[in-house]
Amino acid sequence: MDPVTKDTPKKAGESKAGESRAAEGAARRKAGPSIVSSAHLADGALPALSEFEFGLNMLTHAYGRWMVRCMAAAGVPDLSALDVLILHHVVHRDRPKTIADLCLVLDVEDTHLVTYAAKKLQGLGLVEGGRRGKEKTLAASDTGRAVCARYREVREALLADAVAATGIDPARLSEIAALMRTLSGHYDQAARAAASL
């Protein structure tokens, strides 16, 4: 028997979590090197976090490019990824949104970025301004709704069908999305802690 894998007596108090980490480490070594962009960050307590961050970075940039190009294919070029996100959220459920609503839901810290995008979208006739008490609101125009409908058509044809063809279980995608939202909370908390150092 291989001396590395032969059974050894368990130490008193050894936890199942420790066994699990050891098994994951062994599986990782068999799978090959981690795919990371910063090996010096991967050499820590949780190397898989660096793998996740590298994948997230690639996905973030790819998603941004996709939104911009899909919107251009839908007939509205020269919008940024944030402009596209804001337009979709204003159209969402066909209810007026304030700048504060948009910042909260889209997790944008810099209000002026959303304000600038809102003015740009208004200038293009995709959203309309209004008021809720003292607050300014944005509502989708007919043009904005039509553009989002075209975006959806392009998305279904070019992206949704391709992702579905991979055979990934939609429930698994939902689990990944939930995990990403959870991790975003940890990153936010760590950012607050780093700001206090």
C-alpha atoms as a PDB file:
ATOM      1  CA  MET A   1       0.000   0.000   0.000  1.00  0.00           C
ATOM      2  CA  ASP A   2       1.202   3.521  -0.766  1.00  0.00           C
ATOM      3  CA  PRO A   3       2.667   4.986   2.469  1.00  0.00           C
ATOM      4  CA  VAL A   4       0.994   8.288   1.750  1.00  0.00           C
ATOM      5  CA  THR A   5      -2.504   6.795   1.576  1.00  0.00           C
ATOM      6  CA  LYS A   6      -2.300   3.935   4.108  1.00  0.00           C
ATOM      7  CA  ASP A   7      -4.610   4.062   7.094  1.00  0.00           C
ATOM      8  CA  THR A   8      -3.221   5.673  10.218  1.00  0.00           C
ATOM      9  CA  PRO A   9      -4.795   5.821  13.659  1.00  0.00           C
ATOM     10  CA  LYS A  10      -6.916   8.915  14.187  1.00  0.00           C
ATOM     11  CA  LYS A  11      -5.578  11.468  16.654  1.00  0.00           C
ATOM     12  CA  ALA A  12      -7.814  12.244  19.580  1.00  0.00           C
ATOM     13  CA  GLY A  13     -10.087  15.172  18.835  1.00  0.00           C
ATOM     14  CA  GLU A  14      -9.508  15.147  15.076  1.00  0.00           C
ATOM     15  CA  SER A  15     -12.553  16.799  13.509  1.00  0.00           C
ATOM     16  CA  LYS A  16     -14.548  15.756  10.506  1.00  0.00           C
ATOM     17  CA  ALA A  17     -13.953  19.238   9.106  1.00  0.00           C
ATOM     18  CA  GLY A  18     -10.202  18.546   9.163  1.00  0.00           C
ATOM     19  CA  GLU A  19     -10.751  15.250   7.351  1.00  0.00           C
ATOM     20  CA  SER A  20     -12.908  17.007   4.795  1.00  0.00           C
ATOM     21  CA  ARG A  21     -10.229  19.659   4.159  1.00  0.00           C
ATOM     22  CA  ALA A  22      -7.608  16.955   3.762  1.00  0.00           C
ATOM     23  CA  ALA A  23      -9.797  15.106   1.249  1.00  0.00           C
ATOM     24  CA  GLU A  24     -10.402  18.336  -0.689  1.00  0.00           C
ATOM     25  CA  GLY A  25      -6.662  19.023  -0.721  1.00  0.00           C
ATOM     26  CA  ALA A  26      -5.951  15.536  -2.064  1.00  0.00           C
ATOM     27  CA  ALA A  27      -8.608  15.938  -4.745  1.00  0.00           C
ATOM     28  CA  ARG A  28      -7.149  19.310  -5.718  1.00  0.00           C
ATOM     29  CA  ARG A  29      -3.642  17.851  -6.071  1.00  0.00           C
ATOM     30  CA  LYS A  30      -5.003  15.121  -8.356  1.00  0.00           C
ATOM     31  CA  ALA A  31      -6.910  17.701 -10.426  1.00  0.00           C
ATOM     32  CA  GLY A  32      -3.766  19.733 -11.115  1.00  0.00           C
ATOM     33  CA  PRO A  33      -2.733  23.303 -10.339  1.00  0.00           C
ATOM     34  CA  SER A  34      -5.262  25.953  -9.380  1.00  0.00           C
ATOM     35  CA  ILE A  35      -6.347  28.394 -12.096  1.00  0.00           C
ATOM     36  CA  VAL A  36      -5.533  31.764 -10.553  1.00  0.00           C
ATOM     37  CA  SER A  37      -4.109  35.112 -11.657  1.00  0.00           C
ATOM     38  CA  SER A  38      -2.241  35.833  -8.410  1.00  0.00           C
ATOM     39  CA  ALA A  39      -0.405  32.800  -7.041  1.00  0.00           C
ATOM     40  CA  HIS A  40       0.836  34.830  -4.059  1.00  0.00           C
ATOM     41  CA  LEU A  41      -2.801  35.268  -2.947  1.00  0.00           C
ATOM     42  CA  ALA A  42      -3.642  31.610  -3.536  1.00  0.00           C
ATOM     43  CA  ASP A  43      -0.891  30.558  -1.125  1.00  0.00           C
ATOM     44  CA  GLY A  44      -3.057  31.084   1.944  1.00  0.00           C
ATOM     45  CA  ALA A  45      -5.759  29.555   4.092  1.00  0.00           C
ATOM     46  CA  LEU A  46      -8.283  29.206   1.255  1.00  0.00           C
ATOM     47  CA  PRO A  47      -6.680  28.746  -2.193  1.00  0.00           C
ATOM     48  CA  ALA A  48     -10.100  28.045  -3.733  1.00  0.00           C
ATOM     49  CA  LEU A  49     -11.082  31.654  -2.961  1.00  0.00           C
ATOM     50  CA  SER A  50      -8.412  32.833  -5.400  1.00  0.00           C
ATOM     51  CA  GLU A  51      -9.790  30.470  -8.029  1.00  0.00           C
ATOM     52  CA  PHE A  52     -13.249  31.891  -7.437  1.00  0.00           C
ATOM     53  CA  GLU A  53     -11.952  35.473  -7.684  1.00  0.00           C
ATOM     54  CA  PHE A  54     -10.185  34.765 -10.973  1.00  0.00           C
ATOM     55  CA  GLY A  55     -13.339  33.194 -12.397  1.00  0.00           C
ATOM     56  CA  LEU A  56     -15.428  36.084 -11.065  1.00  0.00           C
ATOM     57  CA  ASN A  57     -13.089  38.617 -12.669  1.00  0.00           C
ATOM     58  CA  MET A  58     -13.375  36.870 -16.039  1.00  0.00           C
ATOM     59  CA  LEU A  59     -17.154  36.605 -15.705  1.00  0.00           C
ATOM     60  CA  THR A  60     -17.503  40.267 -14.675  1.00  0.00           C
ATOM     61  CA  HIS A  61     -15.656  41.519 -17.750  1.00  0.00           C
ATOM     62  CA  ALA A  62     -17.377  39.055 -20.092  1.00  0.00           C
ATOM     63  CA  TYR A  63     -20.794  39.988 -18.680  1.00  0.00           C
ATOM     64  CA  GLY A  64     -20.052  43.694 -19.133  1.00  0.00           C
ATOM     65  CA  ARG A  65     -19.005  43.171 -22.764  1.00  0.00           C
ATOM     66  CA  TRP A  66     -22.077  41.034 -23.375  1.00  0.00           C
ATOM     67  CA  MET A  67     -24.520  43.648 -22.027  1.00  0.00           C
ATOM     68  CA  VAL A  68     -22.990  46.429 -24.112  1.00  0.00           C
ATOM     69  CA  ARG A  69     -22.940  44.381 -27.329  1.00  0.00           C
ATOM     70  CA  CYS A  70     -26.372  42.856 -26.797  1.00  0.00           C
ATOM     71  CA  MET A  71     -27.834  46.329 -26.300  1.00  0.00           C
ATOM     72  CA  ALA A  72     -26.053  47.513 -29.459  1.00  0.00           C
ATOM     73  CA  ALA A  73     -27.573  44.546 -31.332  1.00  0.00           C
ATOM     74  CA  ALA A  74     -30.955  45.594 -29.910  1.00  0.00           C
ATOM     75  CA  GLY A  75     -30.495  48.991 -31.575  1.00  0.00           C
ATOM     76  CA  VAL A  76     -28.943  51.205 -28.889  1.00  0.00           C
ATOM     77  CA  PRO A  77     -25.145  51.445 -29.192  1.00  0.00           C
ATOM     78  CA  ASP A  78     -22.835  53.434 -26.906  1.00  0.00           C
ATOM     79  CA  LEU A  79     -24.417  52.488 -23.593  1.00  0.00           C
ATOM     80  CA  SER A  80     -22.138  51.361 -20.772  1.00  0.00           C
ATOM     81  CA  ALA A  81     -22.807  48.173 -18.813  1.00  0.00           C
ATOM     82  CA  LEU A  82     -24.131  50.283 -15.914  1.00  0.00           C
ATOM     83  CA  ASP A  83     -26.457  52.175 -18.286  1.00  0.00           C
ATOM     84  CA  VAL A  84     -27.874  48.829 -19.461  1.00  0.00           C
ATOM     85  CA  LEU A  85     -28.347  47.542 -15.900  1.00  0.00           C
ATOM     86  CA  ILE A  86     -30.147  50.738 -14.899  1.00  0.00           C
ATOM     87  CA  LEU A  87     -32.432  50.640 -17.930  1.00  0.00           C
ATOM     88  CA  HIS A  88     -33.393  47.020 -17.220  1.00  0.00           C
ATOM     89  CA  HIS A  89     -34.116  47.792 -13.579  1.00  0.00           C
ATOM     90  CA  VAL A  90     -36.225  50.840 -14.430  1.00  0.00           C
ATOM     91  CA  VAL A  91     -38.259  48.617 -16.793  1.00  0.00           C
ATOM     92  CA  HIS A  92     -38.455  45.898 -14.086  1.00  0.00           C
ATOM     93  CA  ARG A  93     -42.067  45.484 -12.905  1.00  0.00           C
ATOM     94  CA  ASP A  94     -42.943  48.747 -14.680  1.00  0.00           C
ATOM     95  CA  ARG A  95     -42.749  50.840 -11.494  1.00  0.00           C
ATOM     96  CA  PRO A  96     -40.985  54.223 -11.140  1.00  0.00           C
ATOM     97  CA  LYS A  97     -37.630  54.039  -9.326  1.00  0.00           C
ATOM     98  CA  THR A  98     -35.661  56.698  -7.450  1.00  0.00           C
ATOM     99  CA  ILE A  99     -31.907  57.078  -7.745  1.00  0.00           C
ATOM    100  CA  ALA A 100     -31.684  55.681  -4.187  1.00  0.00           C
ATOM    101  CA  ASP A 101     -33.730  52.619  -5.260  1.00  0.00           C
ATOM    102  CA  LEU A 102     -31.371  51.983  -8.171  1.00  0.00           C
ATOM    103  CA  CYS A 103     -28.231  52.398  -6.054  1.00  0.00           C
ATOM    104  CA  LEU A 104     -29.573  50.032  -3.400  1.00  0.00           C
ATOM    105  CA  VAL A 105     -30.716  47.229  -5.695  1.00  0.00           C
ATOM    106  CA  LEU A 106     -27.719  47.406  -8.043  1.00  0.00           C
ATOM    107  CA  ASP A 107     -25.294  47.880  -5.106  1.00  0.00           C
ATOM    108  CA  VAL A 108     -23.725  51.016  -6.577  1.00  0.00           C
ATOM    109  CA  GLU A 109     -21.928  53.104  -3.970  1.00  0.00           C
ATOM    110  CA  ASP A 110     -21.299  56.206  -6.091  1.00  0.00           C
ATOM    111  CA  THR A 111     -24.662  57.922  -6.556  1.00  0.00           C
ATOM    112  CA  HIS A 112     -23.299  60.284  -9.203  1.00  0.00           C
ATOM    113  CA  LEU A 113     -22.642  57.316 -11.542  1.00  0.00           C
ATOM    114  CA  VAL A 114     -26.327  56.396 -11.433  1.00  0.00           C
ATOM    115  CA  THR A 115     -27.395  60.041 -11.773  1.00  0.00           C
ATOM    116  CA  TYR A 116     -25.192  60.464 -14.864  1.00  0.00           C
ATOM    117  CA  ALA A 117     -26.553  57.246 -16.410  1.00  0.00           C
ATOM    118  CA  ALA A 118     -30.130  58.334 -15.681  1.00  0.00           C
ATOM    119  CA  LYS A 119     -29.585  61.655 -17.503  1.00  0.00           C
ATOM    120  CA  LYS A 120     -28.055  59.796 -20.438  1.00  0.00           C
ATOM    121  CA  LEU A 121     -31.011  57.399 -20.646  1.00  0.00           C
ATOM    122  CA  GLN A 122     -33.459  60.308 -20.403  1.00  0.00           C
ATOM    123  CA  GLY A 123     -31.612  62.102 -23.194  1.00  0.00           C
ATOM    124  CA  LEU A 124     -32.035  59.010 -25.390  1.00  0.00           C
ATOM    125  CA  GLY A 125     -35.751  58.856 -24.602  1.00  0.00           C
ATOM    126  CA  LEU A 126     -35.468  55.450 -22.934  1.00  0.00           C
ATOM    127  CA  VAL A 127     -36.706  56.635 -19.521  1.00  0.00           C
ATOM    128  CA  GLU A 128     -38.860  59.509 -18.326  1.00  0.00           C
ATOM    129  CA  GLY A 129     -38.463  61.660 -15.240  1.00  0.00           C
ATOM    130  CA  GLY A 130     -41.139  62.073 -12.593  1.00  0.00           C
ATOM    131  CA  ARG A 131     -41.613  62.790  -8.895  1.00  0.00           C
ATOM    132  CA  ARG A 132     -42.488  60.874  -5.755  1.00  0.00           C
ATOM    133  CA  GLY A 133     -42.917  63.564  -3.131  1.00  0.00           C
ATOM    134  CA  LYS A 134     -39.638  65.473  -3.138  1.00  0.00           C
ATOM    135  CA  GLU A 135     -37.696  62.704  -4.847  1.00  0.00           C
ATOM    136  CA  LYS A 136     -37.099  62.476  -8.569  1.00  0.00           C
ATOM    137  CA  THR A 137     -38.110  59.187 -10.147  1.00  0.00           C
ATOM    138  CA  LEU A 138     -37.413  57.365 -13.383  1.00  0.00           C
ATOM    139  CA  ALA A 139     -39.984  55.364 -15.310  1.00  0.00           C
ATOM    140  CA  ALA A 140     -39.616  53.393 -18.518  1.00  0.00           C
ATOM    141  CA  SER A 141     -40.764  55.044 -21.725  1.00  0.00           C
ATOM    142  CA  ASP A 142     -42.443  53.067 -24.502  1.00  0.00           C
ATOM    143  CA  THR A 143     -39.147  53.244 -26.386  1.00  0.00           C
ATOM    144  CA  GLY A 144     -37.249  51.922 -23.368  1.00  0.00           C
ATOM    145  CA  ARG A 145     -39.637  48.992 -22.976  1.00  0.00           C
ATOM    146  CA  ALA A 146     -39.379  48.169 -26.687  1.00  0.00           C
ATOM    147  CA  VAL A 147     -35.566  48.234 -26.536  1.00  0.00           C
ATOM    148  CA  CYS A 148     -35.561  45.888 -23.525  1.00  0.00           C
ATOM    149  CA  ALA A 149     -37.913  43.536 -25.373  1.00  0.00           C
ATOM    150  CA  ARG A 150     -35.467  43.444 -28.325  1.00  0.00           C
ATOM    151  CA  TYR A 151     -32.576  42.885 -25.883  1.00  0.00           C
ATOM    152  CA  ARG A 152     -34.483  39.912 -24.471  1.00  0.00           C
ATOM    153  CA  GLU A 153     -34.930  38.436 -27.944  1.00  0.00           C
ATOM    154  CA  VAL A 154     -31.203  38.717 -28.686  1.00  0.00           C
ATOM    155  CA  ARG A 155     -30.364  37.289 -25.246  1.00  0.00           C
ATOM    156  CA  GLU A 156     -32.632  34.296 -25.726  1.00  0.00           C
ATOM    157  CA  ALA A 157     -31.210  33.561 -29.178  1.00  0.00           C
ATOM    158  CA  LEU A 158     -27.509  34.032 -28.429  1.00  0.00           C
ATOM    159  CA  LEU A 159     -26.984  33.406 -24.723  1.00  0.00           C
ATOM    160  CA  ALA A 160     -29.830  31.545 -23.015  1.00  0.00           C
ATOM    161  CA  ASP A 161     -29.945  28.783 -25.638  1.00  0.00           C
ATOM    162  CA  ALA A 162     -26.157  28.366 -25.548  1.00  0.00           C
ATOM    163  CA  VAL A 163     -26.058  28.113 -21.742  1.00  0.00           C
ATOM    164  CA  ALA A 164     -29.016  25.692 -21.721  1.00  0.00           C
ATOM    165  CA  ALA A 165     -27.171  23.538 -24.274  1.00  0.00           C
ATOM    166  CA  THR A 166     -24.370  22.938 -21.739  1.00  0.00           C
ATOM    167  CA  GLY A 167     -26.844  20.792 -19.798  1.00  0.00           C
ATOM    168  CA  ILE A 168     -26.403  22.708 -16.550  1.00  0.00           C
ATOM    169  CA  ASP A 169     -29.321  22.211 -14.184  1.00  0.00           C
ATOM    170  CA  PRO A 170     -31.250  25.512 -13.769  1.00  0.00           C
ATOM    171  CA  ALA A 171     -31.533  24.734 -10.039  1.00  0.00           C
ATOM    172  CA  ARG A 172     -27.718  24.560  -9.883  1.00  0.00           C
ATOM    173  CA  LEU A 173     -27.475  27.990 -11.527  1.00  0.00           C
ATOM    174  CA  SER A 174     -29.862  29.343  -8.887  1.00  0.00           C
ATOM    175  CA  GLU A 175     -27.681  27.812  -6.142  1.00  0.00           C
ATOM    176  CA  ILE A 176     -24.583  29.459  -7.619  1.00  0.00           C
ATOM    177  CA  ALA A 177     -26.408  32.808  -7.767  1.00  0.00           C
ATOM    178  CA  ALA A 178     -27.438  32.470  -4.101  1.00  0.00           C
ATOM    179  CA  LEU A 179     -23.861  31.632  -3.109  1.00  0.00           C
ATOM    180  CA  MET A 180     -22.546  34.660  -5.017  1.00  0.00           C
ATOM    181  CA  ARG A 181     -25.004  36.938  -3.204  1.00  0.00           C
ATOM    182  CA  THR A 182     -23.886  35.469   0.124  1.00  0.00           C
ATOM    183  CA  LEU A 183     -20.216  35.939  -0.733  1.00  0.00           C
ATOM    184  CA  SER A 184     -20.906  39.546  -1.742  1.00  0.00           C
ATOM    185  CA  GLY A 185     -21.903  40.184   1.870  1.00  0.00           C
ATOM    186  CA  HIS A 186     -18.571  38.803   3.107  1.00  0.00           C
ATOM    187  CA  TYR A 187     -16.670  40.998   0.645  1.00  0.00           C
ATOM    188  CA  ASP A 188     -18.683  44.060   1.745  1.00  0.00           C
ATOM    189  CA  GLN A 189     -17.933  43.335   5.400  1.00  0.00           C
ATOM    190  CA  ALA A 190     -14.240  42.805   4.644  1.00  0.00           C
ATOM    191  CA  ALA A 191     -14.197  46.106   2.690  1.00  0.00           C
ATOM    192  CA  ARG A 192     -15.649  47.937   5.701  1.00  0.00           C
ATOM    193  CA  ALA A 193     -13.087  46.335   7.972  1.00  0.00           C
ATOM    194  CA  ALA A 194     -10.244  47.254   5.567  1.00  0.00           C
ATOM    195  CA  ALA A 195     -11.449  50.873   5.482  1.00  0.00           C
ATOM    196  CA  SER A 196     -11.015  51.078   9.255  1.00  0.00           C
ATOM    197  CA  LEU A 197      -7.399  49.858   9.248  1.00  0.00           C
END
